[in-house]
Amino acid sequence: MKMLALKYSHHHPAHSMILSTKDDAWKDYFSPQELHQINTLNPIELPSLPASLKEYFLSYQRKKTLDQLLEHRKRHDFNPRTQPDLYWAQKSIIHATDLFLYQQLPATYDTEKGQLNRKVVGTKVDLIIKQGNLEYGCMEAGCSDDPLNTKGVDEGRLKLPRTLKDILCRLTKEAPGKMNDIKVAGLVISGINITLYIEDCPAGSVTRLKSIGPYEFRGSVEKFAKKFIPLLALVVWQTKVIMKNMLQIINAGEEIIFPSIDGPEPPQIPPCMPSPKLGTKRKHNQVDYLNN
């Protein structure tokens, strides 16, 4: 990792000890077998959908007209207290299909023009998920539909992973004995594309980053089930479960660590390296960490 970090003069996740096996740069330093081992060590897995929720989602197959969608969504009446997941799924689908009913979807020239105007003024929505004083996840949003644009690359490859690692560092201090079990999730929204990122520390002190997506939601009634249902399952339900599981791990941690001068310190994940500030003059005693 040090060799790769020294290779780049610009900021790279390796400088913050973050490793994504999807980054082609690592192919020069790890064999395919080693990359596979990194992926499968205490692997990151998505929670399985409950059978009832999966059945409800699949019931929207072959519903390709607005009348079919509206008629099908009326056939179910879920109890929010005893069937919270199904109730949430139905409400989400109702809100989404209402966008077609009231002609908010598919996108028109005016809505596309509005997106361009938002991009010009730099409007951005950031979200931090937290309970009490502890953060459990985050989200970055932008207007561009191209996940490879500068903003999408910066947020998905640098900004969000570094933020997730900061969250991970704080959570592991709450339950140091569970450092290798804690996983944090974040989302990057680029226009109609949504990508899920999960970061953890399966061993040692390097964090591992896994991305799932991007998932696209096109404003088409014909492709509503094919595009929106997987997005609803992954981005909302499974991401929510990941965060709830982390909450349970943190709250279950009852390990008591007494202060000690000579004793070993509890394991910790090193923090991210501060981002370099552009336009600042280097002091005479400042050392370039990339060239030393």
Protein backbone atom coordinates (compact mmCIF):
# COMPACT_ATOMS: atom_id res chain seq x y z
CA MET A 1 0.00 0.00 0.00
CA LYS A 2 2.87 2.36 0.78
CA MET A 3 4.36 1.78 -2.68
CA LEU A 4 1.09 2.68 -4.38
CA ALA A 5 0.59 5.73 -2.15
CA LEU A 6 4.05 7.04 -3.02
CA LYS A 7 3.30 6.59 -6.71
CA TYR A 8 0.57 9.23 -6.84
CA SER A 9 1.12 12.97 -6.51
CA HIS A 10 -2.65 13.50 -6.27
CA HIS A 11 -4.84 12.23 -3.44
CA HIS A 12 -5.65 8.53 -3.69
CA PRO A 13 -7.61 6.29 -1.24
CA ALA A 14 -4.33 4.48 -0.50
CA HIS A 15 -3.11 7.62 1.28
CA SER A 16 -5.93 7.04 3.79
CA MET A 17 -5.32 3.27 3.89
CA ILE A 18 -8.56 2.49 2.03
CA LEU A 19 -8.54 -0.41 -0.41
CA SER A 20 -11.11 -1.22 -3.07
CA THR A 21 -10.40 -4.36 -5.10
CA LYS A 22 -12.32 -2.78 -8.00
CA ASP A 23 -9.55 -0.19 -8.31
CA ASP A 24 -7.39 -1.37 -11.21
CA ALA A 25 -4.33 0.24 -9.63
CA TRP A 26 -4.08 -2.66 -7.16
CA LYS A 27 -3.63 -5.21 -9.95
CA ASP A 28 0.04 -4.21 -10.15
CA TYR A 29 0.55 -5.02 -6.45
CA PHE A 30 -1.73 -8.01 -5.77
CA SER A 31 -2.29 -11.20 -7.69
CA PRO A 32 -5.86 -12.25 -8.63
CA GLN A 33 -5.71 -14.84 -5.86
CA GLU A 34 -4.68 -12.23 -3.29
CA LEU A 35 -7.46 -9.86 -4.39
CA HIS A 36 -9.95 -12.73 -4.09
CA GLN A 37 -8.68 -13.45 -0.59
CA ILE A 38 -9.15 -9.79 0.37
CA ASN A 39 -12.72 -9.92 -0.92
CA THR A 40 -13.63 -13.14 0.86
CA LEU A 41 -12.03 -12.46 4.25
CA ASN A 42 -14.95 -11.82 6.61
CA PRO A 43 -16.89 -10.97 3.43
CA ILE A 44 -19.26 -8.07 2.99
CA GLU A 45 -22.70 -9.51 2.29
CA LEU A 46 -26.07 -7.92 1.73
CA PRO A 47 -28.89 -8.87 4.11
CA SER A 48 -31.42 -11.30 2.61
CA LEU A 49 -34.92 -10.02 1.96
CA PRO A 50 -37.67 -11.56 4.10
CA ALA A 51 -39.75 -14.01 2.06
CA SER A 52 -42.93 -11.94 2.44
CA LEU A 53 -41.20 -8.75 1.27
CA LYS A 54 -39.57 -10.50 -1.68
CA GLU A 55 -42.92 -12.02 -2.66
CA TYR A 56 -44.56 -8.59 -2.55
CA PHE A 57 -41.85 -7.04 -4.70
CA LEU A 58 -42.07 -9.85 -7.26
CA SER A 59 -45.85 -9.43 -7.48
CA TYR A 60 -45.22 -6.29 -9.57
CA GLN A 61 -43.68 -8.29 -12.40
CA ARG A 62 -45.43 -7.86 -15.75
CA LYS A 63 -47.22 -4.72 -14.54
CA LYS A 64 -46.28 -2.45 -17.44
CA THR A 65 -49.05 0.12 -17.60
CA LEU A 66 -50.03 2.83 -15.16
CA ASP A 67 -53.52 1.35 -14.76
CA GLN A 68 -52.03 -2.05 -13.88
CA LEU A 69 -49.71 -0.50 -11.29
CA LEU A 70 -52.47 1.58 -9.72
CA GLU A 71 -54.84 -1.39 -9.58
CA HIS A 72 -52.23 -3.73 -8.11
CA ARG A 73 -51.13 -1.39 -5.36
CA LYS A 74 -54.75 -1.22 -4.08
CA ARG A 75 -54.91 -4.98 -3.53
CA HIS A 76 -52.83 -4.90 -0.38
CA ASP A 77 -53.52 -3.38 3.03
CA PHE A 78 -50.57 -3.81 5.39
CA ASN A 79 -50.56 -3.04 9.09
CA PRO A 80 -47.80 -0.55 9.94
CA ARG A 81 -47.40 -2.01 13.44
CA THR A 82 -47.32 -5.74 12.65
CA GLN A 83 -46.06 -5.53 9.04
CA PRO A 84 -43.72 -2.51 9.05
CA ASP A 85 -41.50 -3.61 6.15
CA LEU A 86 -44.42 -4.44 3.87
CA TYR A 87 -46.21 -1.23 4.86
CA TRP A 88 -43.09 0.79 4.07
CA ALA A 89 -42.63 -0.98 0.70
CA GLN A 90 -46.24 -0.31 -0.30
CA LYS A 91 -46.06 3.36 0.70
CA SER A 92 -42.82 3.78 -1.26
CA ILE A 93 -44.36 2.26 -4.36
CA ILE A 94 -47.45 4.45 -3.97
CA HIS A 95 -45.30 7.58 -3.78
CA ALA A 96 -43.25 6.49 -6.81
CA THR A 97 -46.25 5.59 -9.00
CA ASP A 98 -47.92 8.87 -8.03
CA LEU A 99 -45.09 10.61 -9.87
CA PHE A 100 -46.39 9.04 -13.08
CA LEU A 101 -50.01 9.71 -12.15
CA TYR A 102 -49.35 13.43 -11.67
CA GLN A 103 -46.99 13.56 -14.67
CA GLN A 104 -43.83 14.26 -12.70
CA LEU A 105 -42.35 11.26 -14.52
CA PRO A 106 -41.16 10.65 -17.16
CA ALA A 107 -38.89 13.69 -17.07
CA THR A 108 -39.82 16.57 -19.35
CA TYR A 109 -37.63 19.21 -20.90
CA ASP A 110 -38.52 21.58 -18.04
CA THR A 111 -37.41 19.15 -15.33
CA GLU A 112 -34.18 18.40 -17.20
CA LYS A 113 -33.58 22.13 -17.55
CA GLY A 114 -34.21 22.50 -13.81
CA GLN A 115 -31.58 19.87 -13.13
CA LEU A 116 -29.10 21.79 -15.25
CA ASN A 117 -29.89 24.99 -13.39
CA ARG A 118 -29.33 23.24 -10.05
CA LYS A 119 -25.98 22.03 -11.31
CA VAL A 120 -24.97 25.55 -12.30
CA VAL A 121 -25.66 26.98 -8.84
CA GLY A 122 -23.98 24.00 -7.19
CA THR A 123 -26.93 22.79 -5.12
CA LYS A 124 -26.07 19.61 -3.23
CA VAL A 125 -27.84 17.53 -0.63
CA ASP A 126 -25.72 15.81 2.05
CA LEU A 127 -27.16 13.46 4.62
CA ILE A 128 -25.68 12.00 7.80
CA ILE A 129 -27.50 9.11 9.49
CA LYS A 130 -27.01 9.16 13.23
CA GLN A 131 -28.52 8.14 16.55
CA GLY A 132 -27.62 10.26 19.51
CA ASN A 133 -24.03 11.40 19.06
CA LEU A 134 -22.98 8.47 16.87
CA GLU A 135 -23.06 8.50 13.08
CA TYR A 136 -23.82 5.29 11.17
CA GLY A 137 -23.87 6.27 7.50
CA CYS A 138 -23.96 9.12 5.01
CA MET A 139 -25.09 10.16 1.55
CA GLU A 140 -23.83 12.48 -1.18
CA ALA A 141 -26.10 13.71 -3.97
CA GLY A 142 -25.55 15.48 -7.28
CA CYS A 143 -27.55 16.26 -10.41
CA SER A 144 -25.41 14.72 -13.13
CA ASP A 145 -26.57 11.36 -14.51
CA ASP A 146 -23.01 10.44 -15.48
CA PRO A 147 -21.36 8.47 -12.64
CA LEU A 148 -17.97 9.08 -14.30
CA ASN A 149 -18.15 12.87 -14.18
CA THR A 150 -15.68 14.70 -11.98
CA LYS A 151 -18.11 15.16 -9.10
CA GLY A 152 -19.27 11.53 -9.19
CA VAL A 153 -15.72 10.20 -9.24
CA ASP A 154 -14.58 12.52 -6.46
CA GLU A 155 -17.49 11.60 -4.19
CA GLY A 156 -17.52 7.86 -4.90
CA ARG A 157 -13.77 7.33 -4.95
CA LEU A 158 -12.52 9.82 -2.38
CA LYS A 159 -14.97 11.92 -0.42
CA LEU A 160 -17.55 9.32 0.60
CA PRO A 161 -15.01 6.53 1.40
CA ARG A 162 -13.03 8.93 3.59
CA THR A 163 -16.20 10.02 5.38
CA LEU A 164 -17.21 6.39 5.89
CA LYS A 165 -13.79 5.63 7.33
CA ASP A 166 -14.09 8.52 9.77
CA ILE A 167 -17.46 7.12 10.86
CA LEU A 168 -15.94 3.64 11.14
CA CYS A 169 -13.10 4.94 13.30
CA ARG A 170 -15.51 6.51 15.76
CA LEU A 171 -17.75 3.45 15.92
CA THR A 172 -14.85 1.06 16.60
CA LYS A 173 -13.89 3.17 19.61
CA GLU A 174 -17.34 2.43 21.02
CA ALA A 175 -16.86 -1.33 20.58
CA PRO A 176 -13.14 -2.06 20.06
CA GLY A 177 -13.69 -5.78 20.50
CA LYS A 178 -15.98 -5.77 17.43
CA MET A 179 -13.70 -3.73 15.17
CA ASN A 180 -13.62 -6.41 12.46
CA ASP A 181 -17.40 -6.91 12.48
CA ILE A 182 -18.53 -3.31 12.05
CA LYS A 183 -19.63 -2.26 8.57
CA VAL A 184 -20.79 1.21 7.58
CA ALA A 185 -22.83 2.11 4.50
CA GLY A 186 -23.13 5.21 2.35
CA LEU A 187 -24.91 6.24 -0.84
CA VAL A 188 -23.88 8.36 -3.81
CA ILE A 189 -26.74 9.71 -5.92
CA SER A 190 -25.78 11.04 -9.35
CA GLY A 191 -28.95 12.17 -11.06
CA ILE A 192 -30.95 8.97 -11.60
CA ASN A 193 -28.05 6.68 -10.63
CA ILE A 194 -27.60 5.39 -7.07
CA THR A 195 -24.54 3.48 -5.83
CA LEU A 196 -24.19 1.82 -2.44
CA TYR A 197 -20.78 1.80 -0.72
CA ILE A 198 -19.93 -0.42 2.25
CA GLU A 199 -16.70 -0.04 4.20
CA ASP A 200 -15.22 -2.25 6.90
CA CYS A 201 -11.95 -3.41 8.44
CA PRO A 202 -11.84 -7.22 8.12
CA ALA A 203 -8.33 -7.49 9.57
CA GLY A 204 -5.35 -5.32 10.47
CA SER A 205 -5.75 -1.56 10.07
CA VAL A 206 -6.57 -1.14 6.35
CA THR A 207 -10.24 -0.56 5.54
CA ARG A 208 -11.92 -2.34 2.64
CA LEU A 209 -14.40 -0.60 0.35
CA LYS A 210 -17.05 -2.36 -1.72
CA SER A 211 -19.40 -0.66 -4.17
CA ILE A 212 -22.71 -2.05 -5.45
CA GLY A 213 -24.25 -0.39 -8.45
CA PRO A 214 -24.90 2.06 -9.90
CA TYR A 215 -28.60 1.30 -10.03
CA GLU A 216 -30.62 3.42 -12.43
CA PHE A 217 -34.21 4.56 -12.12
CA ARG A 218 -35.58 5.62 -15.48
CA GLY A 219 -38.88 7.47 -15.62
CA SER A 220 -40.69 4.76 -17.57
CA VAL A 221 -43.89 3.00 -16.54
CA GLU A 222 -42.96 -0.02 -18.65
CA LYS A 223 -39.69 -0.51 -16.73
CA PHE A 224 -41.00 0.49 -13.31
CA ALA A 225 -40.81 -3.00 -11.76
CA LYS A 226 -37.50 -3.88 -13.42
CA LYS A 227 -35.76 -0.65 -12.38
CA PHE A 228 -37.45 0.63 -9.23
CA ILE A 229 -38.00 -2.60 -7.26
CA PRO A 230 -34.29 -3.63 -7.12
CA LEU A 231 -33.37 -0.07 -6.21
CA LEU A 232 -35.96 -0.05 -3.43
CA ALA A 233 -34.73 -3.38 -2.08
CA LEU A 234 -31.02 -2.53 -2.16
CA VAL A 235 -30.79 1.15 -1.47
CA VAL A 236 -33.45 1.43 1.17
CA TRP A 237 -34.27 -1.87 2.87
CA GLN A 238 -30.88 -3.61 2.77
CA THR A 239 -28.97 -0.41 3.58
CA LYS A 240 -31.32 0.18 6.52
CA VAL A 241 -30.71 -3.33 7.83
CA ILE A 242 -26.92 -2.89 7.59
CA MET A 243 -27.18 0.24 9.74
CA LYS A 244 -29.55 -1.42 12.22
CA ASN A 245 -27.16 -4.35 12.55
CA MET A 246 -24.32 -1.95 13.33
CA LEU A 247 -26.46 -0.28 15.97
CA GLN A 248 -27.03 -3.65 17.62
CA ILE A 249 -23.31 -4.47 17.57
CA ILE A 250 -22.40 -1.13 19.14
CA ASN A 251 -25.11 -1.35 21.80
CA ALA A 252 -24.18 -4.95 22.63
CA GLY A 253 -20.55 -4.06 23.28
CA GLU A 254 -20.07 -4.33 27.06
CA GLU A 255 -16.30 -4.64 27.15
CA ILE A 256 -14.74 -2.55 29.93
CA ILE A 257 -11.25 -1.19 29.19
CA PHE A 258 -9.37 0.32 32.12
CA PRO A 259 -6.88 3.15 31.56
CA SER A 260 -3.28 1.98 31.54
CA ILE A 261 0.09 3.57 30.92
CA ASP A 262 2.11 0.45 30.19
CA GLY A 263 -0.56 -1.95 29.01
CA PRO A 264 -1.43 -2.48 25.34
CA GLU A 265 -3.85 -0.01 23.83
CA PRO A 266 -7.07 -1.35 22.28
CA PRO A 267 -6.86 -1.81 18.50
CA GLN A 268 -7.78 1.26 16.50
CA ILE A 269 -8.24 2.15 12.85
CA PRO A 270 -5.89 5.00 11.84
CA PRO A 271 -7.71 8.15 10.73
CA CYS A 272 -7.74 9.48 7.19
CA MET A 273 -4.92 11.72 6.05
CA PRO A 274 -6.07 15.36 5.82
CA SER A 275 -6.77 16.55 2.29
CA PRO A 276 -4.13 18.92 0.88
CA LYS A 277 -5.30 22.52 0.67
CA LEU A 278 -4.82 24.09 -2.73
CA GLY A 279 -3.34 27.52 -3.00
CA THR A 280 -1.55 27.53 0.34
CA LYS A 281 2.14 28.28 0.56
CA ARG A 282 4.37 25.59 1.95
CA LYS A 283 6.25 26.52 5.08
CA HIS A 284 10.02 26.17 5.02
CA ASN A 285 9.93 23.26 7.46
CA GLN A 286 7.01 21.44 5.83
CA VAL A 287 7.84 17.97 4.47
CA ASP A 288 6.28 16.54 1.31
CA TYR A 289 4.99 13.14 2.45
CA LEU A 290 4.76 11.91 -1.13
CA ASN A 291 8.43 12.41 -1.92
CA ASN A 292 10.01 11.34 1.36
